């Protein structure tokens, strides 16, 4: 099998660009500047942006989100207190 060196080079460059873009993340300050809270933003929230026609925000969302732990059990608290101010 003969592989065209030019095609192989293009494929390698495309893969490197995809990896770099996928691994880049924004700092907490940069995320806050675009309206996202890095401390609480879960990546599963980025998946729902398409439902609301907000695909333009997905790139920033992916760079600011925390990976969801799908194996985690939900935190249960012994009680809650509701205060009504008025």
PDB file of N, CA and C in Angstrom:
ATOM      1  N   UNK A   1       0.844  -1.175   0.000  1.00  0.00           N
ATOM      2  CA  UNK A   1       0.000   0.000   0.000  1.00  0.00           C
ATOM      3  C   UNK A   1       0.891   1.240   0.000  1.00  0.00           C
ATOM      4  N   UNK A   2       0.652   2.132  -0.925  1.00  0.00           N
ATOM      5  CA  UNK A   2       1.431   3.359  -1.054  1.00  0.00           C
ATOM      6  C   UNK A   2       0.600   4.509  -0.492  1.00  0.00           C
ATOM      7  N   UNK A   3       1.226   5.282   0.413  1.00  0.00           N
ATOM      8  CA  UNK A   3       0.547   6.409   1.038  1.00  0.00           C
ATOM      9  C   UNK A   3       1.172   7.694   0.534  1.00  0.00           C
ATOM     10  N   UNK A   4       0.329   8.600   0.095  1.00  0.00           N
ATOM     11  CA  UNK A   4       0.788   9.909  -0.367  1.00  0.00           C
ATOM     12  C   UNK A   4       1.321  10.698   0.828  1.00  0.00           C
ATOM     13  N   UNK A   5       2.583  11.140   0.811  1.00  0.00           N
ATOM     14  CA  UNK A   5       3.160  11.879   1.945  1.00  0.00           C
ATOM     15  C   UNK A   5       2.410  13.172   2.254  1.00  0.00           C
ATOM     16  N   UNK A   6       1.902  13.828   1.239  1.00  0.00           N
ATOM     17  CA  UNK A   6       1.154  15.074   1.458  1.00  0.00           C
ATOM     18  C   UNK A   6      -0.140  14.826   2.203  1.00  0.00           C
ATOM     19  N   UNK A   7      -0.848  13.764   1.852  1.00  0.00           N
ATOM     20  CA  UNK A   7      -2.103  13.428   2.524  1.00  0.00           C
ATOM     21  C   UNK A   7      -1.836  13.010   3.964  1.00  0.00           C
ATOM     22  N   UNK A   8      -0.758  12.275   4.176  1.00  0.00           N
ATOM     23  CA  UNK A   8      -0.411  11.847   5.532  1.00  0.00           C
ATOM     24  C   UNK A   8      -0.066  13.050   6.402  1.00  0.00           C
ATOM     25  N   UNK A   9       0.637  14.022   5.842  1.00  0.00           N
ATOM     26  CA  UNK A   9       1.002  15.224   6.588  1.00  0.00           C
ATOM     27  C   UNK A   9      -0.237  16.032   6.968  1.00  0.00           C
ATOM     28  N   UNK A  10      -1.178  16.138   6.051  1.00  0.00           N
ATOM     29  CA  UNK A  10      -2.416  16.868   6.323  1.00  0.00           C
ATOM     30  C   UNK A  10      -3.200  16.179   7.439  1.00  0.00           C
ATOM     31  N   UNK A  11      -3.239  14.854   7.403  1.00  0.00           N
ATOM     32  CA  UNK A  11      -3.943  14.096   8.427  1.00  0.00           C
ATOM     33  C   UNK A  11      -3.294  14.289   9.798  1.00  0.00           C
ATOM     34  N   UNK A  12      -1.980  14.267   9.853  1.00  0.00           N
ATOM     35  CA  UNK A  12      -1.266  14.459  11.116  1.00  0.00           C
ATOM     36  C   UNK A  12      -1.521  15.855  11.670  1.00  0.00           C
ATOM     37  N   UNK A  13      -1.453  16.863  10.825  1.00  0.00           N
ATOM     38  CA  UNK A  13      -1.687  18.242  11.266  1.00  0.00           C
ATOM     39  C   UNK A  13      -3.118  18.402  11.778  1.00  0.00           C
ATOM     40  N   UNK A  14      -4.076  17.820  11.084  1.00  0.00           N
ATOM     41  CA  UNK A  14      -5.474  17.913  11.518  1.00  0.00           C
ATOM     42  C   UNK A  14      -5.667  17.244  12.873  1.00  0.00           C
ATOM     43  N   UNK A  15      -5.036  16.112  13.079  1.00  0.00           N
ATOM     44  CA  UNK A  15      -5.142  15.416  14.368  1.00  0.00           C
ATOM     45  C   UNK A  15      -4.519  16.233  15.495  1.00  0.00           C
ATOM     46  N   UNK A  16      -3.368  16.829  15.240  1.00  0.00           N
ATOM     47  CA  UNK A  16      -2.701  17.647  16.258  1.00  0.00           C
ATOM     48  C   UNK A  16      -3.560  18.848  16.619  1.00  0.00           C
ATOM     49  N   UNK A  17      -4.141  19.492  15.644  1.00  0.00           N
ATOM     50  CA  UNK A  17      -5.001  20.654  15.904  1.00  0.00           C
ATOM     51  C   UNK A  17      -6.208  20.239  16.729  1.00  0.00           C
ATOM     52  N   UNK A  18      -6.823  19.123  16.404  1.00  0.00           N
ATOM     53  CA  UNK A  18      -7.993  18.649  17.152  1.00  0.00           C
ATOM     54  C   UNK A  18      -7.628  18.339  18.598  1.00  0.00           C
ATOM     55  N   UNK A  19      -6.482  17.736  18.812  1.00  0.00           N
ATOM     56  CA  UNK A  19      -6.059  17.394  20.173  1.00  0.00           C
ATOM     57  C   UNK A  19      -5.772  18.655  20.980  1.00  0.00           C
ATOM     58  N   UNK A  20      -5.100  19.609  20.378  1.00  0.00           N
ATOM     59  CA  UNK A  20      -4.774  20.855  21.079  1.00  0.00           C
ATOM     60  C   UNK A  20      -6.048  21.609  21.447  1.00  0.00           C
ATOM     61  N   UNK A  21      -6.986  21.697  20.527  1.00  0.00           N
ATOM     62  CA  UNK A  21      -8.230  22.404  20.815  1.00  0.00           C
ATOM     63  C   UNK A  21      -9.033  21.701  21.895  1.00  0.00           C
ATOM     64  N   UNK A  22      -9.003  20.387  21.907  1.00  0.00           N
ATOM     65  CA  UNK A  22      -9.772  19.630  22.894  1.00  0.00           C
ATOM     66  C   UNK A  22      -9.179  19.745  24.287  1.00  0.00           C
ATOM     67  N   UNK A  23      -7.879  19.923  24.390  1.00  0.00           N
ATOM     68  CA  UNK A  23      -7.238  19.955  25.701  1.00  0.00           C
ATOM     69  C   UNK A  23      -7.080  21.366  26.255  1.00  0.00           C
ATOM     70  N   UNK A  24      -7.339  22.370  25.479  1.00  0.00           N
ATOM     71  CA  UNK A  24      -7.218  23.740  25.971  1.00  0.00           C
ATOM     72  C   UNK A  24      -8.370  24.034  26.924  1.00  0.00           C
ATOM     73  N   UNK A  25      -8.077  24.728  27.992  1.00  0.00           N
ATOM     74  CA  UNK A  25      -9.127  25.151  28.895  1.00  0.00           C
ATOM     75  C   UNK A  25      -8.867  26.594  29.292  1.00  0.00           C
ATOM     76  N   UNK A  26      -9.929  27.257  29.674  1.00  0.00           N
ATOM     77  CA  UNK A  26      -9.832  28.654  30.078  1.00  0.00           C
ATOM     78  C   UNK A  26      -9.650  28.741  31.586  1.00  0.00           C
ATOM     79  N   UNK A  27      -9.036  29.812  32.035  1.00  0.00           N
ATOM     80  CA  UNK A  27      -8.876  30.025  33.477  1.00  0.00           C
ATOM     81  C   UNK A  27     -10.232  30.410  34.067  1.00  0.00           C
ATOM     82  N   UNK A  28     -10.316  30.378  35.381  1.00  0.00           N
ATOM     83  CA  UNK A  28     -11.561  30.735  36.059  1.00  0.00           C
ATOM     84  C   UNK A  28     -11.967  32.173  35.723  1.00  0.00           C
ATOM     85  N   UNK A  29     -10.983  33.068  35.622  1.00  0.00           N
ATOM     86  CA  UNK A  29     -11.276  34.464  35.296  1.00  0.00           C
ATOM     87  C   UNK A  29     -11.795  34.605  33.866  1.00  0.00           C
ATOM     88  N   UNK A  30     -11.175  33.858  32.937  1.00  0.00           N
ATOM     89  CA  UNK A  30     -11.620  33.910  31.539  1.00  0.00           C
ATOM     90  C   UNK A  30     -13.029  33.339  31.402  1.00  0.00           C
ATOM     91  N   UNK A  31     -13.321  32.281  32.122  1.00  0.00           N
ATOM     92  CA  UNK A  31     -14.661  31.702  32.093  1.00  0.00           C
ATOM     93  C   UNK A  31     -15.678  32.689  32.648  1.00  0.00           C
ATOM     94  N   UNK A  32     -15.336  33.332  33.753  1.00  0.00           N
ATOM     95  CA  UNK A  32     -16.235  34.310  34.355  1.00  0.00           C
ATOM     96  C   UNK A  32     -16.479  35.471  33.400  1.00  0.00           C
ATOM     97  N   UNK A  33     -15.446  35.864  32.636  1.00  0.00           N
ATOM     98  CA  UNK A  33     -15.579  36.976  31.689  1.00  0.00           C
ATOM     99  C   UNK A  33     -16.573  36.655  30.576  1.00  0.00           C
ATOM    100  N   UNK A  34     -16.718  35.375  30.226  1.00  0.00           N
ATOM    101  CA  UNK A  34     -17.694  34.997  29.185  1.00  0.00           C
ATOM    102  C   UNK A  34     -19.012  34.537  29.795  1.00  0.00           C
ATOM    103  N   UNK A  35     -19.151  34.709  31.123  1.00  0.00           N
ATOM    104  CA  UNK A  35     -20.427  34.432  31.776  1.00  0.00           C
ATOM    105  C   UNK A  35     -20.587  33.016  32.288  1.00  0.00           C
ATOM    106  N   UNK A  36     -19.490  32.287  32.468  1.00  0.00           N
ATOM    107  CA  UNK A  36     -19.560  30.905  32.945  1.00  0.00           C
ATOM    108  C   UNK A  36     -18.822  30.770  34.264  1.00  0.00           C
ATOM    109  N   UNK A  37     -19.345  29.938  35.146  1.00  0.00           N
ATOM    110  CA  UNK A  37     -18.727  29.696  36.453  1.00  0.00           C
ATOM    111  C   UNK A  37     -18.018  28.348  36.401  1.00  0.00           C
ATOM    112  N   UNK A  38     -16.718  28.387  36.278  1.00  0.00           N
ATOM    113  CA  UNK A  38     -15.920  27.169  36.136  1.00  0.00           C
ATOM    114  C   UNK A  38     -16.073  26.235  37.339  1.00  0.00           C
ATOM    115  N   UNK A  39     -16.291  26.778  38.516  1.00  0.00           N
ATOM    116  CA  UNK A  39     -16.372  25.967  39.726  1.00  0.00           C
ATOM    117  C   UNK A  39     -17.597  25.059  39.734  1.00  0.00           C
ATOM    118  N   UNK A  40     -18.668  25.471  39.092  1.00  0.00           N
ATOM    119  CA  UNK A  40     -19.911  24.704  39.173  1.00  0.00           C
ATOM    120  C   UNK A  40     -20.414  24.168  37.836  1.00  0.00           C
ATOM    121  N   UNK A  41     -19.783  24.532  36.739  1.00  0.00           N
ATOM    122  CA  UNK A  41     -20.263  24.134  35.416  1.00  0.00           C
ATOM    123  C   UNK A  41     -19.871  22.688  35.100  1.00  0.00           C
ATOM    124  N   UNK A  42     -20.848  21.845  34.859  1.00  0.00           N
ATOM    125  CA  UNK A  42     -20.605  20.452  34.517  1.00  0.00           C
ATOM    126  C   UNK A  42     -20.713  20.291  32.995  1.00  0.00           C
ATOM    127  N   UNK A  43     -19.894  19.414  32.440  1.00  0.00           N
ATOM    128  CA  UNK A  43     -19.867  19.223  30.991  1.00  0.00           C
ATOM    129  C   UNK A  43     -21.194  18.719  30.438  1.00  0.00           C
ATOM    130  N   UNK A  44     -21.982  18.034  31.241  1.00  0.00           N
ATOM    131  CA  UNK A  44     -23.294  17.583  30.774  1.00  0.00           C
ATOM    132  C   UNK A  44     -24.203  18.768  30.458  1.00  0.00           C
ATOM    133  N   UNK A  45     -23.959  19.903  31.104  1.00  0.00           N
ATOM    134  CA  UNK A  45     -24.737  21.112  30.808  1.00  0.00           C
ATOM    135  C   UNK A  45     -24.433  21.625  29.404  1.00  0.00           C
ATOM    136  N   UNK A  46     -23.214  21.424  28.937  1.00  0.00           N
ATOM    137  CA  UNK A  46     -22.831  21.864  27.597  1.00  0.00           C
ATOM    138  C   UNK A  46     -23.592  21.079  26.529  1.00  0.00           C
ATOM    139  N   UNK A  47     -23.946  19.829  26.858  1.00  0.00           N
ATOM    140  CA  UNK A  47     -24.685  18.996  25.907  1.00  0.00           C
ATOM    141  C   UNK A  47     -26.083  19.537  25.632  1.00  0.00           C
ATOM    142  N   UNK A  48     -26.665  20.236  26.574  1.00  0.00           N
ATOM    143  CA  UNK A  48     -28.044  20.716  26.420  1.00  0.00           C
ATOM    144  C   UNK A  48     -28.137  22.044  25.671  1.00  0.00           C
ATOM    145  N   UNK A  49     -27.021  22.678  25.365  1.00  0.00           N
ATOM    146  CA  UNK A  49     -27.060  23.969  24.676  1.00  0.00           C
ATOM    147  C   UNK A  49     -27.736  23.868  23.309  1.00  0.00           C
ATOM    148  N   UNK A  50     -27.550  22.742  22.627  1.00  0.00           N
ATOM    149  CA  UNK A  50     -28.149  22.561  21.296  1.00  0.00           C
ATOM    150  C   UNK A  50     -29.665  22.615  21.345  1.00  0.00           C
ATOM    151  N   UNK A  51     -30.252  22.159  22.444  1.00  0.00           N
ATOM    152  CA  UNK A  51     -31.707  22.164  22.580  1.00  0.00           C
ATOM    153  C   UNK A  51     -32.273  23.579  22.562  1.00  0.00           C
ATOM    154  N   UNK A  52     -31.466  24.559  22.928  1.00  0.00           N
ATOM    155  CA  UNK A  52     -31.910  25.945  23.016  1.00  0.00           C
ATOM    156  C   UNK A  52     -31.264  26.827  21.954  1.00  0.00           C
ATOM    157  N   UNK A  53     -30.735  26.193  20.896  1.00  0.00           N
ATOM    158  CA  UNK A  53     -30.082  26.903  19.787  1.00  0.00           C
ATOM    159  C   UNK A  53     -28.953  27.809  20.273  1.00  0.00           C
ATOM    160  N   UNK A  54     -28.136  27.296  21.202  1.00  0.00           N
ATOM    161  CA  UNK A  54     -27.008  28.046  21.752  1.00  0.00           C
ATOM    162  C   UNK A  54     -25.683  27.372  21.426  1.00  0.00           C
ATOM    163  N   UNK A  55     -25.586  26.807  20.229  1.00  0.00           N
ATOM    164  CA  UNK A  55     -24.373  26.101  19.819  1.00  0.00           C
ATOM    165  C   UNK A  55     -23.143  27.005  19.851  1.00  0.00           C
ATOM    166  N   UNK A  56     -23.334  28.308  19.669  1.00  0.00           N
ATOM    167  CA  UNK A  56     -22.211  29.250  19.651  1.00  0.00           C
ATOM    168  C   UNK A  56     -21.488  29.292  21.004  1.00  0.00           C
ATOM    169  N   UNK A  57     -22.173  28.916  22.079  1.00  0.00           N
ATOM    170  CA  UNK A  57     -21.569  28.941  23.408  1.00  0.00           C
ATOM    171  C   UNK A  57     -20.859  27.633  23.756  1.00  0.00           C
ATOM    172  N   UNK A  58     -21.029  26.607  22.926  1.00  0.00           N
ATOM    173  CA  UNK A  58     -20.525  25.284  23.294  1.00  0.00           C
ATOM    174  C   UNK A  58     -19.006  25.232  23.417  1.00  0.00           C
ATOM    175  N   UNK A  59     -18.277  25.902  22.544  1.00  0.00           N
ATOM    176  CA  UNK A  59     -16.809  25.861  22.609  1.00  0.00           C
ATOM    177  C   UNK A  59     -16.310  26.412  23.946  1.00  0.00           C
ATOM    178  N   UNK A  60     -16.814  27.575  24.356  1.00  0.00           N
ATOM    179  CA  UNK A  60     -16.417  28.144  25.652  1.00  0.00           C
ATOM    180  C   UNK A  60     -16.891  27.268  26.796  1.00  0.00           C
ATOM    181  N   UNK A  61     -18.071  26.713  26.665  1.00  0.00           N
ATOM    182  CA  UNK A  61     -18.612  25.848  27.705  1.00  0.00           C
ATOM    183  C   UNK A  61     -17.701  24.643  27.909  1.00  0.00           C
ATOM    184  N   UNK A  62     -17.277  24.019  26.826  1.00  0.00           N
ATOM    185  CA  UNK A  62     -16.404  22.837  26.922  1.00  0.00           C
ATOM    186  C   UNK A  62     -15.043  23.179  27.531  1.00  0.00           C
ATOM    187  N   UNK A  63     -14.579  24.414  27.327  1.00  0.00           N
ATOM    188  CA  UNK A  63     -13.286  24.813  27.873  1.00  0.00           C
ATOM    189  C   UNK A  63     -13.377  25.198  29.346  1.00  0.00           C
ATOM    190  N   UNK A  64     -14.586  25.390  29.851  1.00  0.00           N
ATOM    191  CA  UNK A  64     -14.762  25.816  31.240  1.00  0.00           C
ATOM    192  C   UNK A  64     -15.401  24.747  32.124  1.00  0.00           C
ATOM    193  N   UNK A  65     -15.870  23.658  31.558  1.00  0.00           N
ATOM    194  CA  UNK A  65     -16.656  22.708  32.346  1.00  0.00           C
ATOM    195  C   UNK A  65     -15.801  21.689  33.085  1.00  0.00           C
ATOM    196  N   UNK A  66     -16.419  21.090  34.091  1.00  0.00           N
ATOM    197  CA  UNK A  66     -15.831  19.995  34.865  1.00  0.00           C
ATOM    198  C   UNK A  66     -16.462  18.695  34.385  1.00  0.00           C
ATOM    199  N   UNK A  67     -15.643  17.680  34.221  1.00  0.00           N
ATOM    200  CA  UNK A  67     -16.141  16.396  33.741  1.00  0.00           C
ATOM    201  C   UNK A  67     -17.059  15.791  34.790  1.00  0.00           C
ATOM    202  N   UNK A  68     -18.217  15.344  34.337  1.00  0.00           N
ATOM    203  CA  UNK A  68     -19.190  14.721  35.224  1.00  0.00           C
ATOM    204  C   UNK A  68     -18.673  13.357  35.682  1.00  0.00           C
ATOM    205  N   UNK A  69     -18.854  13.052  36.935  1.00  0.00           N
ATOM    206  CA  UNK A  69     -18.502  11.733  37.442  1.00  0.00           C
ATOM    207  C   UNK A  69     -19.771  10.883  37.390  1.00  0.00           C
ATOM    208  N   UNK A  70     -19.878  10.066  36.351  1.00  0.00           N
ATOM    209  CA  UNK A  70     -21.099   9.295  36.132  1.00  0.00           C
ATOM    210  C   UNK A  70     -21.269   8.190  37.171  1.00  0.00           C
ATOM    211  N   UNK A  71     -20.217   7.825  37.872  1.00  0.00           N
ATOM    212  CA  UNK A  71     -20.293   6.767  38.872  1.00  0.00           C
ATOM    213  C   UNK A  71     -20.529   7.297  40.284  1.00  0.00           C
ATOM    214  N   UNK A  72     -20.614   8.605  40.428  1.00  0.00           N
ATOM    215  CA  UNK A  72     -20.786   9.194  41.754  1.00  0.00           C
ATOM    216  C   UNK A  72     -22.216   9.001  42.241  1.00  0.00           C
ATOM    217  N   UNK A  73     -22.351   8.798  43.524  1.00  0.00           N
ATOM    218  CA  UNK A  73     -23.681   8.709  44.112  1.00  0.00           C
ATOM    219  C   UNK A  73     -24.086  10.109  44.555  1.00  0.00           C
ATOM    220  N   UNK A  74     -25.355  10.425  44.444  1.00  0.00           N
ATOM    221  CA  UNK A  74     -25.803  11.760  44.836  1.00  0.00           C
ATOM    222  C   UNK A  74     -25.586  12.002  46.331  1.00  0.00           C
ATOM    223  N   UNK A  75     -25.270  13.233  46.673  1.00  0.00           N
ATOM    224  CA  UNK A  75     -25.074  13.593  48.070  1.00  0.00           C
ATOM    225  C   UNK A  75     -26.434  13.742  48.731  1.00  0.00           C
ATOM    226  N   UNK A  76     -26.589  13.106  49.874  1.00  0.00           N
ATOM    227  CA  UNK A  76     -27.831  13.225  50.642  1.00  0.00           C
ATOM    228  C   UNK A  76     -27.506  13.918  51.954  1.00  0.00           C
ATOM    229  N   UNK A  77     -28.308  14.915  52.275  1.00  0.00           N
ATOM    230  CA  UNK A  77     -28.112  15.680  53.488  1.00  0.00           C
ATOM    231  C   UNK A  77     -29.153  15.258  54.525  1.00  0.00           C
ATOM    232  N   UNK A  78     -28.824  15.347  55.820  1.00  0.00           N
ATOM    233  CA  UNK A  78     -29.761  14.877  56.842  1.00  0.00           C
ATOM    234  C   UNK A  78     -31.024  15.742  56.939  1.00  0.00           C
ATOM    235  N   UNK A  79     -30.899  17.015  56.610  1.00  0.00           N
ATOM    236  CA  UNK A  79     -32.075  17.890  56.664  1.00  0.00           C
ATOM    237  C   UNK A  79     -31.823  19.147  55.844  1.00  0.00           C
ATOM    238  N   UNK A  80     -32.874  19.892  55.606  1.00  0.00           N
ATOM    239  CA  UNK A  80     -32.794  21.165  54.918  1.00  0.00           C
ATOM    240  C   UNK A  80     -33.652  22.171  55.659  1.00  0.00           C
ATOM    241  N   UNK A  81     -33.282  23.422  55.560  1.00  0.00           N
ATOM    242  CA  UNK A  81     -34.055  24.461  56.235  1.00  0.00           C
ATOM    243  C   UNK A  81     -34.437  25.504  55.181  1.00  0.00           C
ATOM    244  N   UNK A  82     -35.731  25.750  55.064  1.00  0.00           N
ATOM    245  CA  UNK A  82     -36.243  26.713  54.113  1.00  0.00           C
ATOM    246  C   UNK A  82     -36.660  27.966  54.873  1.00  0.00           C
ATOM    247  N   UNK A  83     -36.085  29.083  54.473  1.00  0.00           N
ATOM    248  CA  UNK A  83     -36.432  30.355  55.110  1.00  0.00           C
ATOM    249  C   UNK A  83     -37.106  31.245  54.084  1.00  0.00           C
ATOM    250  N   UNK A  84     -38.251  31.790  54.444  1.00  0.00           N
ATOM    251  CA  UNK A  84     -38.985  32.680  53.560  1.00  0.00           C
ATOM    252  C   UNK A  84     -38.789  34.095  54.072  1.00  0.00           C
ATOM    253  N   UNK A  85     -38.226  34.938  53.234  1.00  0.00           N
ATOM    254  CA  UNK A  85     -38.003  36.332  53.594  1.00  0.00           C
ATOM    255  C   UNK A  85     -39.094  37.180  52.947  1.00  0.00           C
ATOM    256  N   UNK A  86     -39.586  38.121  53.637  1.00  0.00           N
ATOM    257  CA  UNK A  86     -40.616  38.924  52.988  1.00  0.00           C
ATOM    258  C   UNK A  86     -41.100  39.982  53.798  1.00  0.00           C
TER     259      UNK A  86
END
